[in-house]
Amino acid sequence: MKTIEDIFNIIKKTINLKDDFIEYEIRLSNGTFERDHLINIYNIRKGIAIRQENHKRTEQIKHLLNGLENYSEKFLKVADISNNNYFAMFYLSQDWNRVIGYLENDINDGTGI
């Protein structure tokens, strides 16, 4: 299994986190999440974001859904990364080798995940 540092580096490369992003907390899921279930949940959340005219969140969810729909495996893992100004939820392949999709936000912008 990969170390937390390995997983953080995979995430960091995927979203181009700044090199000075050093004060953070990362939590890894113990279990797995079913891809089809996540697709259903995020289709509902996309509809809510559209009704609320939250264009930024709508685009993030569309991008996440695209990754989930193109992922061929049944299960995913989840990692959360946060610091004082940032929070993100990353869906990774079951073997922790690649990011399938993610949602992120600046904690101060009030949009929430």
N, C-alpha and C. Protein backbone atom coordinates (compact mmCIF):
# COMPACT_ATOMS: atom_id res chain seq x y z
N MET A 1 0.83 -1.18 0.00
CA MET A 1 0.00 0.00 0.00
C MET A 1 0.87 1.25 0.00
N LYS A 2 0.37 2.26 -0.58
CA LYS A 2 1.10 3.52 -0.65
C LYS A 2 1.06 4.23 0.70
N THR A 3 2.08 5.04 0.93
CA THR A 3 2.10 5.84 2.15
C THR A 3 1.25 7.09 1.96
N ILE A 4 0.94 7.75 3.05
CA ILE A 4 0.18 9.00 2.97
C ILE A 4 0.93 10.01 2.12
N GLU A 5 2.23 10.06 2.25
CA GLU A 5 3.05 10.99 1.46
C GLU A 5 2.95 10.66 -0.04
N ASP A 6 2.98 9.38 -0.40
CA ASP A 6 2.82 8.98 -1.80
C ASP A 6 1.48 9.45 -2.35
N ILE A 7 0.43 9.23 -1.57
CA ILE A 7 -0.91 9.63 -2.00
C ILE A 7 -1.01 11.13 -2.13
N PHE A 8 -0.45 11.86 -1.17
CA PHE A 8 -0.45 13.33 -1.25
C PHE A 8 0.27 13.79 -2.51
N ASN A 9 1.39 13.18 -2.85
CA ASN A 9 2.13 13.57 -4.05
C ASN A 9 1.35 13.28 -5.33
N ILE A 10 0.60 12.18 -5.36
CA ILE A 10 -0.26 11.90 -6.52
C ILE A 10 -1.32 12.99 -6.66
N ILE A 11 -1.93 13.34 -5.54
CA ILE A 11 -2.95 14.41 -5.54
C ILE A 11 -2.32 15.73 -5.93
N LYS A 12 -1.19 16.03 -5.35
CA LYS A 12 -0.50 17.31 -5.60
C LYS A 12 -0.19 17.48 -7.08
N LYS A 13 0.25 16.43 -7.72
CA LYS A 13 0.55 16.49 -9.16
C LYS A 13 -0.71 16.65 -9.99
N THR A 14 -1.80 16.02 -9.56
CA THR A 14 -3.05 16.06 -10.30
C THR A 14 -3.64 17.46 -10.34
N ILE A 15 -3.59 18.18 -9.23
CA ILE A 15 -4.23 19.49 -9.19
C ILE A 15 -3.23 20.64 -9.11
N ASN A 16 -1.97 20.32 -9.24
CA ASN A 16 -0.93 21.35 -9.23
C ASN A 16 -0.96 22.22 -7.99
N LEU A 17 -0.99 21.59 -6.82
CA LEU A 17 -0.91 22.35 -5.57
C LEU A 17 0.44 23.05 -5.52
N LYS A 18 0.44 24.21 -4.94
CA LYS A 18 1.67 24.98 -4.83
C LYS A 18 2.67 24.24 -3.95
N ASP A 19 3.95 24.44 -4.24
CA ASP A 19 4.99 23.79 -3.45
C ASP A 19 4.96 24.25 -1.99
N ASP A 20 4.43 25.45 -1.74
CA ASP A 20 4.39 25.94 -0.38
C ASP A 20 3.17 25.43 0.40
N PHE A 21 2.41 24.54 -0.20
CA PHE A 21 1.25 23.93 0.46
C PHE A 21 1.79 22.83 1.38
N ILE A 22 2.28 23.24 2.55
CA ILE A 22 2.93 22.28 3.43
C ILE A 22 2.17 22.07 4.74
N GLU A 23 1.39 23.02 5.18
CA GLU A 23 0.60 22.89 6.40
C GLU A 23 -0.76 22.32 6.03
N TYR A 24 -0.94 21.03 6.18
CA TYR A 24 -2.20 20.40 5.78
C TYR A 24 -2.46 19.17 6.63
N GLU A 25 -3.69 18.74 6.60
CA GLU A 25 -4.09 17.48 7.22
C GLU A 25 -4.70 16.62 6.11
N ILE A 26 -4.33 15.36 6.06
CA ILE A 26 -4.89 14.45 5.08
C ILE A 26 -5.51 13.26 5.82
N ARG A 27 -6.71 12.90 5.40
CA ARG A 27 -7.39 11.73 5.96
C ARG A 27 -7.71 10.78 4.81
N LEU A 28 -7.43 9.51 5.02
CA LEU A 28 -7.70 8.50 4.01
C LEU A 28 -8.87 7.63 4.46
N SER A 29 -9.71 7.25 3.51
CA SER A 29 -10.84 6.38 3.84
C SER A 29 -10.34 4.99 4.20
N ASN A 30 -11.02 4.37 5.14
CA ASN A 30 -10.72 2.99 5.50
C ASN A 30 -11.42 2.02 4.57
N GLY A 31 -12.59 2.43 4.10
CA GLY A 31 -13.39 1.57 3.24
C GLY A 31 -13.33 2.01 1.79
N THR A 32 -14.26 1.46 1.03
CA THR A 32 -14.36 1.81 -0.38
C THR A 32 -15.74 2.42 -0.65
N PHE A 33 -15.84 3.13 -1.75
CA PHE A 33 -17.09 3.76 -2.17
C PHE A 33 -17.46 3.23 -3.54
N GLU A 34 -18.72 2.90 -3.72
CA GLU A 34 -19.18 2.33 -4.97
C GLU A 34 -19.37 3.42 -6.03
N ARG A 35 -18.76 3.22 -7.17
CA ARG A 35 -18.78 4.19 -8.26
C ARG A 35 -20.20 4.56 -8.68
N ASP A 36 -21.05 3.58 -8.92
CA ASP A 36 -22.42 3.86 -9.38
C ASP A 36 -23.21 4.67 -8.36
N HIS A 37 -23.01 4.38 -7.10
CA HIS A 37 -23.69 5.12 -6.05
C HIS A 37 -23.22 6.59 -6.04
N LEU A 38 -21.92 6.79 -6.18
CA LEU A 38 -21.39 8.16 -6.22
C LEU A 38 -21.93 8.93 -7.43
N ILE A 39 -22.05 8.26 -8.56
CA ILE A 39 -22.60 8.91 -9.76
C ILE A 39 -24.02 9.39 -9.48
N ASN A 40 -24.82 8.56 -8.84
CA ASN A 40 -26.20 8.96 -8.52
C ASN A 40 -26.22 10.15 -7.56
N ILE A 41 -25.41 10.10 -6.53
CA ILE A 41 -25.36 11.19 -5.56
C ILE A 41 -24.95 12.50 -6.23
N TYR A 42 -23.91 12.45 -7.05
CA TYR A 42 -23.41 13.70 -7.64
C TYR A 42 -24.29 14.20 -8.78
N ASN A 43 -25.08 13.35 -9.39
CA ASN A 43 -26.08 13.85 -10.35
C ASN A 43 -27.14 14.67 -9.61
N ILE A 44 -27.53 14.22 -8.44
CA ILE A 44 -28.49 14.98 -7.62
C ILE A 44 -27.86 16.30 -7.18
N ARG A 45 -26.63 16.24 -6.70
CA ARG A 45 -25.95 17.46 -6.24
C ARG A 45 -25.72 18.44 -7.39
N LYS A 46 -25.50 17.92 -8.59
CA LYS A 46 -25.35 18.81 -9.75
C LYS A 46 -26.66 19.55 -10.00
N GLY A 47 -27.79 18.84 -9.92
CA GLY A 47 -29.09 19.48 -10.09
C GLY A 47 -29.33 20.57 -9.07
N ILE A 48 -28.95 20.33 -7.83
CA ILE A 48 -29.10 21.33 -6.78
C ILE A 48 -28.22 22.55 -7.09
N ALA A 49 -26.98 22.30 -7.49
CA ALA A 49 -26.07 23.41 -7.81
C ALA A 49 -26.60 24.23 -8.99
N ILE A 50 -27.19 23.57 -9.97
CA ILE A 50 -27.76 24.28 -11.12
C ILE A 50 -28.93 25.15 -10.66
N ARG A 51 -29.82 24.60 -9.84
CA ARG A 51 -30.96 25.38 -9.34
C ARG A 51 -30.52 26.57 -8.50
N GLN A 52 -29.43 26.41 -7.77
CA GLN A 52 -28.92 27.49 -6.93
C GLN A 52 -28.05 28.46 -7.73
N GLU A 53 -27.88 28.18 -9.01
CA GLU A 53 -27.05 28.98 -9.91
C GLU A 53 -25.61 29.11 -9.40
N ASN A 54 -25.13 28.03 -8.81
CA ASN A 54 -23.75 27.97 -8.34
C ASN A 54 -22.91 27.37 -9.47
N HIS A 55 -22.49 28.23 -10.38
CA HIS A 55 -21.81 27.78 -11.60
C HIS A 55 -20.47 27.11 -11.32
N LYS A 56 -19.75 27.63 -10.35
CA LYS A 56 -18.45 27.03 -10.01
C LYS A 56 -18.64 25.59 -9.52
N ARG A 57 -19.59 25.38 -8.60
CA ARG A 57 -19.83 24.05 -8.08
C ARG A 57 -20.37 23.13 -9.17
N THR A 58 -21.26 23.65 -10.04
CA THR A 58 -21.80 22.85 -11.14
C THR A 58 -20.67 22.33 -12.03
N GLU A 59 -19.73 23.19 -12.38
CA GLU A 59 -18.62 22.77 -13.24
C GLU A 59 -17.73 21.74 -12.54
N GLN A 60 -17.49 21.93 -11.26
CA GLN A 60 -16.67 20.95 -10.53
C GLN A 60 -17.35 19.59 -10.50
N ILE A 61 -18.66 19.59 -10.26
CA ILE A 61 -19.39 18.31 -10.20
C ILE A 61 -19.43 17.65 -11.58
N LYS A 62 -19.60 18.44 -12.63
CA LYS A 62 -19.58 17.87 -13.99
C LYS A 62 -18.24 17.20 -14.26
N HIS A 63 -17.16 17.85 -13.86
CA HIS A 63 -15.81 17.29 -14.06
C HIS A 63 -15.65 16.00 -13.24
N LEU A 64 -16.13 16.01 -11.99
CA LEU A 64 -16.07 14.82 -11.15
C LEU A 64 -16.88 13.68 -11.76
N LEU A 65 -18.09 13.98 -12.21
CA LEU A 65 -18.94 12.96 -12.83
C LEU A 65 -18.29 12.36 -14.06
N ASN A 66 -17.64 13.17 -14.85
CA ASN A 66 -16.94 12.68 -16.03
C ASN A 66 -15.86 11.66 -15.63
N GLY A 67 -15.10 11.99 -14.59
CA GLY A 67 -14.08 11.06 -14.11
C GLY A 67 -14.67 9.77 -13.59
N LEU A 68 -15.78 9.88 -12.83
CA LEU A 68 -16.43 8.69 -12.29
C LEU A 68 -16.99 7.82 -13.40
N GLU A 69 -17.62 8.44 -14.40
CA GLU A 69 -18.22 7.67 -15.49
C GLU A 69 -17.17 6.98 -16.36
N ASN A 70 -15.98 7.55 -16.44
CA ASN A 70 -14.91 6.96 -17.24
C ASN A 70 -14.06 5.96 -16.47
N TYR A 71 -14.28 5.85 -15.18
CA TYR A 71 -13.54 4.92 -14.34
C TYR A 71 -14.17 3.53 -14.49
N SER A 72 -13.40 2.54 -14.83
CA SER A 72 -13.96 1.23 -15.16
C SER A 72 -14.13 0.30 -13.96
N GLU A 73 -13.51 0.61 -12.85
CA GLU A 73 -13.63 -0.25 -11.67
C GLU A 73 -14.90 0.06 -10.89
N LYS A 74 -15.28 -0.84 -10.00
CA LYS A 74 -16.52 -0.67 -9.24
C LYS A 74 -16.34 0.19 -7.99
N PHE A 75 -15.17 0.14 -7.38
CA PHE A 75 -14.96 0.81 -6.10
C PHE A 75 -13.85 1.86 -6.18
N LEU A 76 -13.97 2.86 -5.29
CA LEU A 76 -12.98 3.93 -5.19
C LEU A 76 -12.61 4.14 -3.72
N LYS A 77 -11.52 4.84 -3.52
CA LYS A 77 -11.09 5.27 -2.19
C LYS A 77 -11.23 6.79 -2.13
N VAL A 78 -11.25 7.32 -0.91
CA VAL A 78 -11.41 8.76 -0.73
C VAL A 78 -10.33 9.30 0.19
N ALA A 79 -9.82 10.47 -0.16
CA ALA A 79 -8.88 11.19 0.69
C ALA A 79 -9.37 12.63 0.81
N ASP A 80 -9.31 13.17 2.03
CA ASP A 80 -9.64 14.57 2.28
C ASP A 80 -8.36 15.29 2.64
N ILE A 81 -8.20 16.48 2.09
CA ILE A 81 -7.07 17.32 2.43
C ILE A 81 -7.62 18.67 2.87
N SER A 82 -7.07 19.18 3.96
CA SER A 82 -7.53 20.48 4.44
C SER A 82 -6.40 21.24 5.13
N ASN A 83 -6.55 22.53 5.15
CA ASN A 83 -5.74 23.41 5.99
C ASN A 83 -6.64 24.57 6.39
N ASN A 84 -6.08 25.65 6.85
CA ASN A 84 -6.90 26.77 7.34
C ASN A 84 -7.80 27.38 6.28
N ASN A 85 -7.39 27.36 5.02
CA ASN A 85 -8.14 28.04 3.96
C ASN A 85 -8.64 27.14 2.85
N TYR A 86 -8.44 25.86 2.97
CA TYR A 86 -8.70 24.97 1.84
C TYR A 86 -9.27 23.65 2.33
N PHE A 87 -10.20 23.10 1.56
CA PHE A 87 -10.70 21.75 1.82
C PHE A 87 -10.99 21.10 0.48
N ALA A 88 -10.61 19.84 0.34
CA ALA A 88 -10.89 19.10 -0.90
C ALA A 88 -11.12 17.63 -0.59
N MET A 89 -11.99 17.04 -1.39
CA MET A 89 -12.28 15.62 -1.30
C MET A 89 -11.86 14.99 -2.62
N PHE A 90 -10.99 14.00 -2.56
CA PHE A 90 -10.45 13.36 -3.74
C PHE A 90 -10.90 11.91 -3.81
N TYR A 91 -11.38 11.52 -4.97
CA TYR A 91 -11.73 10.12 -5.22
C TYR A 91 -10.59 9.51 -6.02
N LEU A 92 -10.03 8.45 -5.47
CA LEU A 92 -8.89 7.80 -6.09
C LEU A 92 -9.24 6.36 -6.45
N SER A 93 -8.44 5.81 -7.37
CA SER A 93 -8.63 4.41 -7.73
C SER A 93 -8.47 3.55 -6.48
N GLN A 94 -9.03 2.36 -6.54
CA GLN A 94 -9.03 1.48 -5.38
C GLN A 94 -7.61 1.14 -4.92
N ASP A 95 -6.64 1.17 -5.81
CA ASP A 95 -5.25 0.89 -5.44
C ASP A 95 -4.46 2.16 -5.10
N TRP A 96 -5.16 3.30 -5.01
CA TRP A 96 -4.58 4.59 -4.65
C TRP A 96 -3.58 5.10 -5.69
N ASN A 97 -3.61 4.63 -6.92
CA ASN A 97 -2.61 5.01 -7.92
C ASN A 97 -2.93 6.26 -8.72
N ARG A 98 -4.23 6.67 -8.77
CA ARG A 98 -4.56 7.86 -9.55
C ARG A 98 -5.83 8.51 -9.04
N VAL A 99 -5.91 9.80 -9.28
CA VAL A 99 -7.10 10.56 -8.90
C VAL A 99 -8.14 10.42 -10.00
N ILE A 100 -9.34 10.04 -9.62
CA ILE A 100 -10.45 9.88 -10.56
C ILE A 100 -11.21 11.20 -10.70
N GLY A 101 -11.35 11.91 -9.61
CA GLY A 101 -12.03 13.19 -9.61
C GLY A 101 -11.97 13.80 -8.22
N TYR A 102 -12.39 15.06 -8.13
CA TYR A 102 -12.33 15.74 -6.84
C TYR A 102 -13.25 16.95 -6.81
N LEU A 103 -13.53 17.40 -5.59
CA LEU A 103 -14.22 18.65 -5.35
C LEU A 103 -13.36 19.43 -4.37
N GLU A 104 -13.21 20.71 -4.61
CA GLU A 104 -12.40 21.52 -3.71
C GLU A 104 -13.04 22.89 -3.54
N ASN A 105 -12.68 23.56 -2.46
CA ASN A 105 -13.11 24.93 -2.28
C ASN A 105 -12.24 25.65 -1.27
N ASP A 106 -12.28 26.95 -1.38
CA ASP A 106 -11.67 27.82 -0.40
C ASP A 106 -12.66 27.89 0.75
N ILE A 107 -12.23 27.55 1.95
CA ILE A 107 -13.14 27.52 3.08
C ILE A 107 -13.82 28.86 3.29
N ASN A 108 -13.14 29.93 2.96
CA ASN A 108 -13.69 31.27 3.17
C ASN A 108 -14.72 31.69 2.14
N ASP A 109 -14.90 30.91 1.05
CA ASP A 109 -15.86 31.35 0.02
C ASP A 109 -17.29 30.95 0.33
N GLY A 110 -17.50 30.09 1.35
CA GLY A 110 -18.84 29.77 1.80
C GLY A 110 -19.64 28.83 0.91
N THR A 111 -19.04 28.24 -0.11
CA THR A 111 -19.81 27.36 -0.99
C THR A 111 -19.93 25.95 -0.44
N GLY A 112 -19.00 25.51 0.33
CA GLY A 112 -19.05 24.16 0.89
C GLY A 112 -18.96 23.09 -0.17
N ILE A 113 -18.62 21.91 0.25
CA ILE A 113 -18.55 20.78 -0.67
C ILE A 113 -19.82 20.02 -0.50
